[in-house]
Amino acid sequence: MLQHPAAVRAGFEEGGVTLLRTLRAITPDLWDRHGALGEWTVRELAAHALRAFVTVEGYLMAEPTVDRVLADSTEYYATVLADPSVHQGVAARGRQAARQLLDPVGEAEAVIGQAAARVAATADDEPVNTFAGQMTLIEYLATRVVEVGVHTLDLQRATGQLPELHADTSAVVLSVVTQLASPVQLILALTGRQPLAAGYNVLG
């Protein structure tokens, strides 16, 4: 489903604000504690969340090449999640980034600021060449809002903070992830008729 450009941009901006607020609230003793996703530490989770900003800036700076064209954020996730090795690659890149994350808050401020400026100066329909295929900036940005939103919640839960997202960010995350789910299963679960299966995960 195609995303509304203004809504995605607002979700991305507010997602960065909430992530920064979350990182600033993490005390020094918590950075190397294991987080809410398996064996990842809080520092690794933070580094992985920041990759949402690093990748969008990097892709916008890369030379355009067309291998495969993706219609929207839903097709992006369907393509990425079809690769059984994707989670291993994500974990490896997160751990590598974490080893370089010596000043999490300071580096996050710089990374988020740079990405925000790049996005603000780029048209909605600018082609972005991701590793999964080419798509418009807005559709790729919607996937970055999902990553920022979900992993900000992970960080909040892992460090004892109240899980919360700005409404603009939540709206984009829900718009994308519900498109990956079974409509019938969601309707039954959200109306209290049948719970989702244990461990149900549209990004798994």
N, C-alpha and C. Protein backbone atom coordinates (compact mmCIF):
# COMPACT_ATOMS: atom_id res chain seq x y z
N MET A 1 0.84 -1.20 0.00
CA MET A 1 0.00 0.00 0.00
C MET A 1 0.88 1.24 0.00
N LEU A 2 0.63 2.16 -0.91
CA LEU A 2 1.43 3.37 -0.98
C LEU A 2 1.15 4.27 0.22
N GLN A 3 2.22 4.87 0.74
CA GLN A 3 2.13 5.68 1.95
C GLN A 3 1.94 7.16 1.60
N HIS A 4 1.30 7.91 2.50
CA HIS A 4 1.11 9.34 2.30
C HIS A 4 2.41 10.05 2.65
N PRO A 5 2.99 10.79 1.71
CA PRO A 5 4.30 11.41 1.93
C PRO A 5 4.41 12.25 3.20
N ALA A 6 3.44 13.14 3.43
CA ALA A 6 3.53 14.01 4.61
C ALA A 6 3.48 13.21 5.89
N ALA A 7 2.67 12.15 5.91
CA ALA A 7 2.56 11.31 7.11
C ALA A 7 3.88 10.57 7.37
N VAL A 8 4.50 10.07 6.31
CA VAL A 8 5.76 9.35 6.47
C VAL A 8 6.86 10.28 6.96
N ARG A 9 6.94 11.46 6.37
CA ARG A 9 7.96 12.42 6.80
C ARG A 9 7.77 12.80 8.27
N ALA A 10 6.53 13.01 8.68
CA ALA A 10 6.25 13.35 10.08
C ALA A 10 6.62 12.18 10.99
N GLY A 11 6.30 10.97 10.57
CA GLY A 11 6.64 9.79 11.37
C GLY A 11 8.14 9.61 11.52
N PHE A 12 8.87 9.88 10.44
CA PHE A 12 10.33 9.76 10.47
C PHE A 12 10.94 10.81 11.40
N GLU A 13 10.46 12.04 11.28
CA GLU A 13 10.98 13.11 12.13
C GLU A 13 10.71 12.84 13.60
N GLU A 14 9.47 12.49 13.91
CA GLU A 14 9.11 12.24 15.31
C GLU A 14 9.77 10.97 15.84
N GLY A 15 10.00 10.01 14.95
CA GLY A 15 10.71 8.80 15.36
C GLY A 15 12.12 9.11 15.83
N GLY A 16 12.79 10.02 15.11
CA GLY A 16 14.13 10.43 15.52
C GLY A 16 14.13 11.15 16.85
N VAL A 17 13.13 11.99 17.07
CA VAL A 17 13.01 12.73 18.33
C VAL A 17 12.83 11.75 19.50
N THR A 18 11.94 10.78 19.33
CA THR A 18 11.67 9.82 20.39
C THR A 18 12.86 8.92 20.66
N LEU A 19 13.54 8.50 19.59
CA LEU A 19 14.73 7.67 19.77
C LEU A 19 15.80 8.43 20.55
N LEU A 20 16.03 9.69 20.21
CA LEU A 20 17.02 10.48 20.94
C LEU A 20 16.64 10.63 22.41
N ARG A 21 15.37 10.89 22.67
CA ARG A 21 14.93 11.02 24.06
C ARG A 21 15.14 9.70 24.82
N THR A 22 14.90 8.60 24.14
CA THR A 22 15.09 7.28 24.75
C THR A 22 16.56 7.03 25.06
N LEU A 23 17.45 7.35 24.12
CA LEU A 23 18.88 7.14 24.32
C LEU A 23 19.42 8.01 25.44
N ARG A 24 18.94 9.24 25.54
CA ARG A 24 19.41 10.15 26.58
C ARG A 24 19.02 9.67 27.98
N ALA A 25 17.99 8.86 28.06
CA ALA A 25 17.52 8.37 29.37
C ALA A 25 18.23 7.10 29.81
N ILE A 26 19.09 6.55 28.97
CA ILE A 26 19.81 5.32 29.32
C ILE A 26 21.04 5.65 30.15
N THR A 27 21.12 5.07 31.32
CA THR A 27 22.25 5.32 32.22
C THR A 27 23.46 4.49 31.79
N PRO A 28 24.69 4.95 32.15
CA PRO A 28 25.90 4.27 31.69
C PRO A 28 25.96 2.78 32.02
N ASP A 29 25.40 2.37 33.12
CA ASP A 29 25.48 0.96 33.53
C ASP A 29 24.61 0.04 32.68
N LEU A 30 23.74 0.60 31.84
CA LEU A 30 22.81 -0.22 31.07
C LEU A 30 23.28 -0.53 29.65
N TRP A 31 24.27 0.19 29.16
CA TRP A 31 24.62 0.07 27.75
C TRP A 31 25.05 -1.33 27.33
N ASP A 32 25.70 -2.05 28.22
CA ASP A 32 26.18 -3.39 27.85
C ASP A 32 25.32 -4.50 28.43
N ARG A 33 24.12 -4.13 28.91
CA ARG A 33 23.15 -5.14 29.36
C ARG A 33 22.46 -5.73 28.14
N HIS A 34 22.11 -7.01 28.25
CA HIS A 34 21.39 -7.64 27.14
C HIS A 34 20.01 -7.01 27.00
N GLY A 35 19.65 -6.73 25.75
CA GLY A 35 18.41 -6.01 25.48
C GLY A 35 17.21 -6.93 25.35
N ALA A 36 16.20 -6.47 24.63
CA ALA A 36 14.93 -7.18 24.53
C ALA A 36 14.86 -8.11 23.32
N LEU A 37 15.94 -8.18 22.54
CA LEU A 37 15.94 -9.04 21.36
C LEU A 37 17.05 -10.09 21.49
N GLY A 38 16.75 -11.20 22.10
CA GLY A 38 17.72 -12.29 22.19
C GLY A 38 18.99 -11.90 22.91
N GLU A 39 20.12 -12.10 22.23
CA GLU A 39 21.43 -11.89 22.84
C GLU A 39 21.99 -10.50 22.60
N TRP A 40 21.25 -9.63 21.93
CA TRP A 40 21.75 -8.29 21.66
C TRP A 40 21.83 -7.48 22.94
N THR A 41 22.88 -6.66 23.06
CA THR A 41 22.98 -5.73 24.18
C THR A 41 22.22 -4.44 23.84
N VAL A 42 22.05 -3.60 24.86
CA VAL A 42 21.40 -2.32 24.64
C VAL A 42 22.18 -1.49 23.63
N ARG A 43 23.51 -1.52 23.73
CA ARG A 43 24.34 -0.77 22.77
C ARG A 43 24.13 -1.29 21.35
N GLU A 44 24.05 -2.61 21.19
CA GLU A 44 23.82 -3.19 19.86
C GLU A 44 22.44 -2.82 19.31
N LEU A 45 21.44 -2.82 20.19
CA LEU A 45 20.10 -2.40 19.78
C LEU A 45 20.11 -0.94 19.32
N ALA A 46 20.81 -0.11 20.07
CA ALA A 46 20.89 1.31 19.71
C ALA A 46 21.58 1.48 18.36
N ALA A 47 22.68 0.77 18.16
CA ALA A 47 23.40 0.86 16.89
C ALA A 47 22.53 0.39 15.73
N HIS A 48 21.78 -0.66 15.97
CA HIS A 48 20.90 -1.18 14.92
C HIS A 48 19.79 -0.18 14.60
N ALA A 49 19.21 0.43 15.62
CA ALA A 49 18.16 1.43 15.40
C ALA A 49 18.70 2.61 14.59
N LEU A 50 19.93 3.01 14.87
CA LEU A 50 20.52 4.14 14.15
C LEU A 50 20.82 3.81 12.69
N ARG A 51 20.93 2.54 12.37
CA ARG A 51 21.17 2.16 10.98
C ARG A 51 20.00 2.57 10.08
N ALA A 52 18.82 2.76 10.68
CA ALA A 52 17.68 3.24 9.89
C ALA A 52 17.97 4.61 9.29
N PHE A 53 18.76 5.41 10.00
CA PHE A 53 19.12 6.74 9.51
C PHE A 53 20.36 6.67 8.62
N VAL A 54 21.30 5.82 8.99
CA VAL A 54 22.53 5.67 8.22
C VAL A 54 22.22 5.14 6.82
N THR A 55 21.33 4.15 6.72
CA THR A 55 21.07 3.55 5.42
C THR A 55 20.34 4.49 4.48
N VAL A 56 19.37 5.25 5.01
CA VAL A 56 18.63 6.13 4.10
C VAL A 56 19.55 7.21 3.54
N GLU A 57 20.45 7.73 4.36
CA GLU A 57 21.39 8.74 3.86
C GLU A 57 22.36 8.12 2.86
N GLY A 58 22.86 6.92 3.20
CA GLY A 58 23.81 6.25 2.31
C GLY A 58 23.21 5.91 0.97
N TYR A 59 21.99 5.42 0.95
CA TYR A 59 21.34 5.08 -0.32
C TYR A 59 21.08 6.32 -1.16
N LEU A 60 20.74 7.43 -0.52
CA LEU A 60 20.48 8.65 -1.27
C LEU A 60 21.76 9.22 -1.88
N MET A 61 22.89 8.91 -1.30
CA MET A 61 24.17 9.40 -1.80
C MET A 61 24.75 8.48 -2.88
N ALA A 62 24.22 7.25 -2.98
CA ALA A 62 24.78 6.26 -3.91
C ALA A 62 24.39 6.55 -5.35
N GLU A 63 25.19 6.06 -6.27
CA GLU A 63 24.88 6.19 -7.69
C GLU A 63 23.65 5.35 -8.02
N PRO A 64 22.71 5.89 -8.81
CA PRO A 64 21.50 5.15 -9.13
C PRO A 64 21.76 3.97 -10.07
N THR A 65 21.22 2.84 -9.72
CA THR A 65 21.26 1.66 -10.58
C THR A 65 19.91 0.96 -10.45
N VAL A 66 19.43 0.39 -11.52
CA VAL A 66 18.13 -0.27 -11.49
C VAL A 66 18.31 -1.77 -11.73
N ASP A 67 18.02 -2.57 -10.74
CA ASP A 67 18.08 -4.01 -10.87
C ASP A 67 16.65 -4.57 -10.78
N ARG A 68 15.95 -4.12 -9.75
CA ARG A 68 14.57 -4.54 -9.53
C ARG A 68 13.81 -3.35 -8.95
N VAL A 69 12.60 -3.11 -9.42
CA VAL A 69 11.79 -2.00 -8.93
C VAL A 69 10.73 -2.54 -7.98
N LEU A 70 10.69 -1.96 -6.77
CA LEU A 70 9.72 -2.36 -5.75
C LEU A 70 8.60 -1.33 -5.70
N ALA A 71 7.37 -1.79 -5.69
CA ALA A 71 6.22 -0.89 -5.75
C ALA A 71 6.03 -0.08 -4.47
N ASP A 72 6.26 -0.71 -3.32
CA ASP A 72 5.97 -0.02 -2.06
C ASP A 72 6.69 -0.69 -0.90
N SER A 73 6.44 -0.19 0.30
CA SER A 73 7.10 -0.71 1.50
C SER A 73 6.70 -2.15 1.78
N THR A 74 5.49 -2.53 1.44
CA THR A 74 5.04 -3.90 1.65
C THR A 74 5.85 -4.88 0.80
N GLU A 75 6.05 -4.53 -0.46
CA GLU A 75 6.84 -5.40 -1.34
C GLU A 75 8.30 -5.44 -0.88
N TYR A 76 8.80 -4.34 -0.35
CA TYR A 76 10.16 -4.32 0.19
C TYR A 76 10.31 -5.38 1.28
N TYR A 77 9.39 -5.36 2.25
CA TYR A 77 9.50 -6.33 3.35
C TYR A 77 9.28 -7.75 2.86
N ALA A 78 8.35 -7.94 1.95
CA ALA A 78 8.12 -9.28 1.43
C ALA A 78 9.38 -9.81 0.74
N THR A 79 10.08 -8.95 0.02
CA THR A 79 11.31 -9.35 -0.67
C THR A 79 12.42 -9.65 0.32
N VAL A 80 12.60 -8.75 1.28
CA VAL A 80 13.68 -8.92 2.27
C VAL A 80 13.45 -10.16 3.12
N LEU A 81 12.23 -10.34 3.61
CA LEU A 81 11.95 -11.44 4.53
C LEU A 81 11.93 -12.80 3.83
N ALA A 82 11.91 -12.80 2.50
CA ALA A 82 11.96 -14.06 1.77
C ALA A 82 13.36 -14.67 1.79
N ASP A 83 14.35 -13.87 2.18
CA ASP A 83 15.74 -14.33 2.25
C ASP A 83 15.99 -14.89 3.65
N PRO A 84 16.22 -16.20 3.78
CA PRO A 84 16.38 -16.80 5.12
C PRO A 84 17.61 -16.31 5.88
N SER A 85 18.56 -15.70 5.18
CA SER A 85 19.78 -15.24 5.85
C SER A 85 19.69 -13.79 6.32
N VAL A 86 18.54 -13.14 6.09
CA VAL A 86 18.45 -11.71 6.36
C VAL A 86 18.69 -11.37 7.82
N HIS A 87 18.16 -12.18 8.74
CA HIS A 87 18.30 -11.86 10.16
C HIS A 87 19.75 -12.01 10.63
N GLN A 88 20.47 -12.99 10.08
CA GLN A 88 21.89 -13.13 10.42
C GLN A 88 22.67 -11.91 9.99
N GLY A 89 22.39 -11.43 8.79
CA GLY A 89 23.08 -10.25 8.29
C GLY A 89 22.78 -9.02 9.11
N VAL A 90 21.51 -8.86 9.51
CA VAL A 90 21.11 -7.72 10.34
C VAL A 90 21.85 -7.76 11.68
N ALA A 91 21.90 -8.93 12.29
CA ALA A 91 22.57 -9.06 13.59
C ALA A 91 24.06 -8.74 13.47
N ALA A 92 24.69 -9.25 12.42
CA ALA A 92 26.12 -9.01 12.23
C ALA A 92 26.42 -7.54 12.04
N ARG A 93 25.60 -6.86 11.23
CA ARG A 93 25.83 -5.42 11.00
C ARG A 93 25.57 -4.61 12.27
N GLY A 94 24.57 -5.03 13.04
CA GLY A 94 24.28 -4.34 14.30
C GLY A 94 25.42 -4.45 15.28
N ARG A 95 26.02 -5.63 15.39
CA ARG A 95 27.13 -5.83 16.32
C ARG A 95 28.37 -5.06 15.86
N GLN A 96 28.60 -5.06 14.56
CA GLN A 96 29.74 -4.30 14.03
C GLN A 96 29.57 -2.81 14.31
N ALA A 97 28.37 -2.30 14.07
CA ALA A 97 28.11 -0.88 14.33
C ALA A 97 28.24 -0.55 15.81
N ALA A 98 27.86 -1.49 16.67
CA ALA A 98 27.92 -1.26 18.12
C ALA A 98 29.36 -1.10 18.60
N ARG A 99 30.29 -1.81 17.98
CA ARG A 99 31.70 -1.70 18.38
C ARG A 99 32.25 -0.30 18.12
N GLN A 100 31.63 0.43 17.21
CA GLN A 100 32.07 1.78 16.88
C GLN A 100 31.24 2.85 17.59
N LEU A 101 30.23 2.42 18.34
CA LEU A 101 29.33 3.36 19.00
C LEU A 101 29.84 3.67 20.40
N LEU A 102 30.83 4.55 20.48
CA LEU A 102 31.47 4.85 21.76
C LEU A 102 30.73 5.95 22.53
N ASP A 103 30.11 6.86 21.81
CA ASP A 103 29.32 7.94 22.41
C ASP A 103 27.91 7.86 21.82
N PRO A 104 27.08 6.94 22.34
CA PRO A 104 25.78 6.68 21.71
C PRO A 104 24.92 7.92 21.50
N VAL A 105 24.80 8.76 22.51
CA VAL A 105 23.91 9.92 22.40
C VAL A 105 24.49 10.94 21.42
N GLY A 106 25.76 11.27 21.57
CA GLY A 106 26.39 12.25 20.69
C GLY A 106 26.38 11.80 19.24
N GLU A 107 26.70 10.53 19.02
CA GLU A 107 26.72 10.02 17.65
C GLU A 107 25.31 9.94 17.08
N ALA A 108 24.33 9.61 17.92
CA ALA A 108 22.94 9.55 17.46
C ALA A 108 22.46 10.93 17.04
N GLU A 109 22.81 11.95 17.81
CA GLU A 109 22.41 13.31 17.44
C GLU A 109 22.96 13.68 16.07
N ALA A 110 24.22 13.33 15.82
CA ALA A 110 24.84 13.67 14.53
C ALA A 110 24.21 12.88 13.40
N VAL A 111 24.05 11.57 13.58
CA VAL A 111 23.51 10.70 12.53
C VAL A 111 22.07 11.08 12.18
N ILE A 112 21.26 11.29 13.19
CA ILE A 112 19.85 11.62 12.96
C ILE A 112 19.73 13.00 12.30
N GLY A 113 20.54 13.94 12.75
CA GLY A 113 20.52 15.28 12.15
C GLY A 113 20.92 15.27 10.69
N GLN A 114 21.97 14.52 10.35
CA GLN A 114 22.43 14.44 8.97
C GLN A 114 21.39 13.79 8.07
N ALA A 115 20.80 12.70 8.55
CA ALA A 115 19.79 12.00 7.75
C ALA A 115 18.55 12.87 7.56
N ALA A 116 18.14 13.56 8.62
CA ALA A 116 16.96 14.42 8.53
C ALA A 116 17.16 15.53 7.50
N ALA A 117 18.35 16.11 7.49
CA ALA A 117 18.65 17.17 6.53
C ALA A 117 18.65 16.63 5.11
N ARG A 118 19.21 15.45 4.91
CA ARG A 118 19.25 14.84 3.58
C ARG A 118 17.84 14.53 3.08
N VAL A 119 17.01 13.97 3.96
CA VAL A 119 15.63 13.63 3.59
C VAL A 119 14.84 14.90 3.28
N ALA A 120 15.00 15.93 4.08
CA ALA A 120 14.26 17.18 3.87
C ALA A 120 14.59 17.81 2.52
N ALA A 121 15.80 17.56 2.02
CA ALA A 121 16.23 18.17 0.75
C ALA A 121 15.96 17.27 -0.45
N THR A 122 15.27 16.16 -0.23
CA THR A 122 15.05 15.19 -1.30
C THR A 122 13.56 15.04 -1.61
N ALA A 123 13.23 14.95 -2.88
CA ALA A 123 11.83 14.83 -3.30
C ALA A 123 11.24 13.49 -2.89
N ASP A 124 9.92 13.49 -2.71
CA ASP A 124 9.22 12.27 -2.29
C ASP A 124 9.45 11.10 -3.22
N ASP A 125 9.47 11.38 -4.54
CA ASP A 125 9.57 10.30 -5.52
C ASP A 125 10.99 10.04 -6.01
N GLU A 126 11.97 10.59 -5.29
CA GLU A 126 13.38 10.33 -5.66
C GLU A 126 13.65 8.83 -5.57
N PRO A 127 14.26 8.22 -6.60
CA PRO A 127 14.55 6.78 -6.53
C PRO A 127 15.65 6.47 -5.53
N VAL A 128 15.41 5.46 -4.74
CA VAL A 128 16.37 5.00 -3.73
C VAL A 128 16.74 3.57 -4.07
N ASN A 129 18.03 3.30 -4.18
CA ASN A 129 18.49 1.97 -4.57
C ASN A 129 18.90 1.16 -3.35
N THR A 130 17.94 0.41 -2.80
CA THR A 130 18.21 -0.42 -1.64
C THR A 130 18.82 -1.75 -2.09
N PHE A 131 19.29 -2.55 -1.15
CA PHE A 131 19.87 -3.84 -1.52
C PHE A 131 18.79 -4.79 -2.06
N ALA A 132 17.52 -4.50 -1.77
CA ALA A 132 16.43 -5.36 -2.24
C ALA A 132 15.88 -4.91 -3.59
N GLY A 133 16.15 -3.66 -3.98
CA GLY A 133 15.63 -3.14 -5.23
C GLY A 133 15.39 -1.64 -5.13
N GLN A 134 15.03 -1.04 -6.26
CA GLN A 134 14.80 0.40 -6.28
C GLN A 134 13.35 0.73 -5.92
N MET A 135 13.19 1.80 -5.12
CA MET A 135 11.87 2.26 -4.72
C MET A 135 11.92 3.75 -4.48
N THR A 136 10.77 4.38 -4.32
CA THR A 136 10.77 5.82 -4.06
C THR A 136 11.23 6.11 -2.64
N LEU A 137 11.71 7.33 -2.43
CA LEU A 137 12.17 7.71 -1.10
C LEU A 137 11.08 7.50 -0.06
N ILE A 138 9.85 7.96 -0.34
CA ILE A 138 8.80 7.87 0.66
C ILE A 138 8.50 6.44 1.06
N GLU A 139 8.46 5.53 0.10
CA GLU A 139 8.19 4.13 0.43
C GLU A 139 9.33 3.51 1.23
N TYR A 140 10.58 3.86 0.89
CA TYR A 140 11.70 3.35 1.68
C TYR A 140 11.70 3.99 3.06
N LEU A 141 11.40 5.28 3.11
CA LEU A 141 11.37 5.98 4.39
C LEU A 141 10.34 5.36 5.33
N ALA A 142 9.24 4.88 4.78
CA ALA A 142 8.23 4.21 5.62
C ALA A 142 8.82 2.98 6.31
N THR A 143 9.68 2.24 5.61
CA THR A 143 10.32 1.07 6.24
C THR A 143 11.28 1.50 7.33
N ARG A 144 11.90 2.66 7.16
CA ARG A 144 12.81 3.16 8.19
C ARG A 144 12.02 3.61 9.43
N VAL A 145 10.81 4.14 9.22
CA VAL A 145 9.98 4.50 10.37
C VAL A 145 9.61 3.24 11.15
N VAL A 146 9.33 2.17 10.45
CA VAL A 146 9.04 0.89 11.12
C VAL A 146 10.22 0.47 11.98
N GLU A 147 11.42 0.49 11.39
CA GLU A 147 12.61 0.06 12.12
C GLU A 147 12.88 0.95 13.33
N VAL A 148 12.79 2.25 13.15
CA VAL A 148 13.02 3.17 14.26
C VAL A 148 11.98 2.97 15.35
N GLY A 149 10.72 2.88 14.95
CA GLY A 149 9.65 2.75 15.93
C GLY A 149 9.76 1.46 16.74
N VAL A 150 9.91 0.35 16.05
CA VAL A 150 9.97 -0.95 16.73
C VAL A 150 11.18 -1.04 17.66
N HIS A 151 12.34 -0.58 17.19
CA HIS A 151 13.55 -0.72 18.00
C HIS A 151 13.63 0.34 19.11
N THR A 152 12.95 1.46 18.94
CA THR A 152 12.84 2.40 20.06
C THR A 152 12.05 1.75 21.18
N LEU A 153 10.97 1.07 20.84
CA LEU A 153 10.19 0.35 21.85
C LEU A 153 11.04 -0.74 22.51
N ASP A 154 11.85 -1.44 21.71
CA ASP A 154 12.76 -2.45 22.27
C ASP A 154 13.70 -1.83 23.30
N LEU A 155 14.28 -0.69 22.94
CA LEU A 155 15.21 -0.02 23.85
C LEU A 155 14.51 0.44 25.12
N GLN A 156 13.33 0.97 24.99
CA GLN A 156 12.58 1.42 26.16
C GLN A 156 12.28 0.26 27.09
N ARG A 157 11.84 -0.86 26.53
CA ARG A 157 11.52 -2.03 27.34
C ARG A 157 12.77 -2.60 28.00
N ALA A 158 13.88 -2.60 27.26
CA ALA A 158 15.12 -3.19 27.78
C ALA A 158 15.74 -2.35 28.89
N THR A 159 15.41 -1.07 28.95
CA THR A 159 16.04 -0.18 29.93
C THR A 159 15.05 0.35 30.96
N GLY A 160 13.89 -0.27 31.06
CA GLY A 160 12.94 0.09 32.10
C GLY A 160 12.18 1.38 31.87
N GLN A 161 12.15 1.85 30.62
CA GLN A 161 11.40 3.06 30.31
C GLN A 161 9.97 2.70 29.88
N LEU A 162 9.08 3.67 29.99
CA LEU A 162 7.71 3.47 29.55
C LEU A 162 7.69 3.37 28.03
N PRO A 163 7.18 2.27 27.46
CA PRO A 163 7.13 2.15 26.00
C PRO A 163 6.15 3.17 25.41
N GLU A 164 6.65 4.04 24.55
CA GLU A 164 5.78 5.04 23.94
C GLU A 164 6.39 5.54 22.63
N LEU A 165 5.51 5.86 21.70
CA LEU A 165 5.90 6.45 20.42
C LEU A 165 4.97 7.62 20.13
N HIS A 166 5.47 8.56 19.34
CA HIS A 166 4.61 9.65 18.90
C HIS A 166 3.53 9.08 17.98
N ALA A 167 2.36 9.68 18.00
CA ALA A 167 1.24 9.20 17.18
C ALA A 167 1.59 9.16 15.69
N ASP A 168 2.39 10.11 15.22
CA ASP A 168 2.76 10.13 13.80
C ASP A 168 3.61 8.92 13.43
N THR A 169 4.52 8.55 14.33
CA THR A 169 5.36 7.38 14.09
C THR A 169 4.53 6.11 14.17
N SER A 170 3.71 6.00 15.20
CA SER A 170 2.87 4.81 15.36
C SER A 170 1.98 4.57 14.15
N ALA A 171 1.43 5.65 13.60
CA ALA A 171 0.52 5.51 12.47
C ALA A 171 1.21 4.89 11.26
N VAL A 172 2.44 5.31 11.00
CA VAL A 172 3.18 4.75 9.86
C VAL A 172 3.55 3.30 10.12
N VAL A 173 4.03 3.01 11.33
CA VAL A 173 4.40 1.63 11.67
C VAL A 173 3.20 0.71 11.48
N LEU A 174 2.06 1.10 12.02
CA LEU A 174 0.86 0.27 11.90
C LEU A 174 0.41 0.12 10.44
N SER A 175 0.51 1.20 9.67
CA SER A 175 0.11 1.15 8.28
C SER A 175 0.92 0.11 7.51
N VAL A 176 2.23 0.03 7.80
CA VAL A 176 3.09 -0.92 7.09
C VAL A 176 2.91 -2.34 7.61
N VAL A 177 3.01 -2.53 8.92
CA VAL A 177 3.03 -3.91 9.44
C VAL A 177 1.68 -4.60 9.29
N THR A 178 0.58 -3.85 9.34
CA THR A 178 -0.71 -4.52 9.16
C THR A 178 -0.88 -5.04 7.75
N GLN A 179 -0.18 -4.43 6.78
CA GLN A 179 -0.23 -4.92 5.42
C GLN A 179 0.52 -6.24 5.26
N LEU A 180 1.38 -6.56 6.22
CA LEU A 180 2.14 -7.80 6.18
C LEU A 180 1.42 -8.93 6.90
N ALA A 181 0.35 -8.60 7.61
CA ALA A 181 -0.36 -9.58 8.42
C ALA A 181 -1.59 -10.10 7.71
N SER A 182 -2.14 -11.19 8.23
CA SER A 182 -3.40 -11.72 7.73
C SER A 182 -4.53 -10.84 8.24
N PRO A 183 -5.31 -10.22 7.36
CA PRO A 183 -6.41 -9.36 7.80
C PRO A 183 -7.39 -10.07 8.73
N VAL A 184 -7.72 -11.32 8.40
CA VAL A 184 -8.68 -12.07 9.22
C VAL A 184 -8.13 -12.30 10.62
N GLN A 185 -6.87 -12.71 10.71
CA GLN A 185 -6.27 -12.94 12.02
C GLN A 185 -6.26 -11.67 12.86
N LEU A 186 -5.94 -10.54 12.23
CA LEU A 186 -5.92 -9.27 12.96
C LEU A 186 -7.31 -8.87 13.43
N ILE A 187 -8.29 -9.01 12.57
CA ILE A 187 -9.66 -8.65 12.93
C ILE A 187 -10.13 -9.49 14.12
N LEU A 188 -9.86 -10.78 14.07
CA LEU A 188 -10.27 -11.65 15.17
C LEU A 188 -9.56 -11.30 16.46
N ALA A 189 -8.27 -10.99 16.36
CA ALA A 189 -7.50 -10.66 17.57
C ALA A 189 -7.91 -9.31 18.15
N LEU A 190 -8.05 -8.30 17.30
CA LEU A 190 -8.34 -6.95 17.77
C LEU A 190 -9.77 -6.79 18.28
N THR A 191 -10.64 -7.74 17.93
CA THR A 191 -12.01 -7.69 18.44
C THR A 191 -12.24 -8.72 19.55
N GLY A 192 -11.14 -9.29 20.05
CA GLY A 192 -11.23 -10.19 21.19
C GLY A 192 -11.83 -11.55 20.91
N ARG A 193 -11.85 -11.96 19.65
CA ARG A 193 -12.47 -13.23 19.30
C ARG A 193 -11.49 -14.40 19.25
N GLN A 194 -10.25 -14.11 18.92
CA GLN A 194 -9.25 -15.18 18.83
C GLN A 194 -7.87 -14.57 18.97
N PRO A 195 -7.08 -14.98 19.97
CA PRO A 195 -5.75 -14.38 20.15
C PRO A 195 -4.80 -14.80 19.04
N LEU A 196 -3.82 -13.97 18.81
CA LEU A 196 -2.77 -14.34 17.88
C LEU A 196 -1.94 -15.48 18.47
N ALA A 197 -1.37 -16.29 17.62
CA ALA A 197 -0.56 -17.41 18.08
C ALA A 197 0.65 -16.91 18.85
N ALA A 198 1.12 -17.70 19.80
CA ALA A 198 2.32 -17.34 20.56
C ALA A 198 3.50 -17.14 19.61
N GLY A 199 4.20 -16.02 19.80
CA GLY A 199 5.36 -15.74 18.96
C GLY A 199 5.01 -15.20 17.59
N TYR A 200 3.77 -14.85 17.35
CA TYR A 200 3.36 -14.31 16.05
C TYR A 200 4.17 -13.05 15.74
N ASN A 201 4.72 -13.00 14.53
CA ASN A 201 5.64 -11.91 14.19
C ASN A 201 5.66 -11.71 12.68
N VAL A 202 5.14 -10.60 12.19
CA VAL A 202 5.11 -10.37 10.74
C VAL A 202 6.50 -10.03 10.21
N LEU A 203 7.45 -9.71 11.09
CA LEU A 203 8.81 -9.39 10.66
C LEU A 203 9.78 -10.54 10.95
N GLY A 204 9.25 -11.65 11.38
CA GLY A 204 10.09 -12.77 11.78
C GLY A 204 10.58 -13.58 10.61
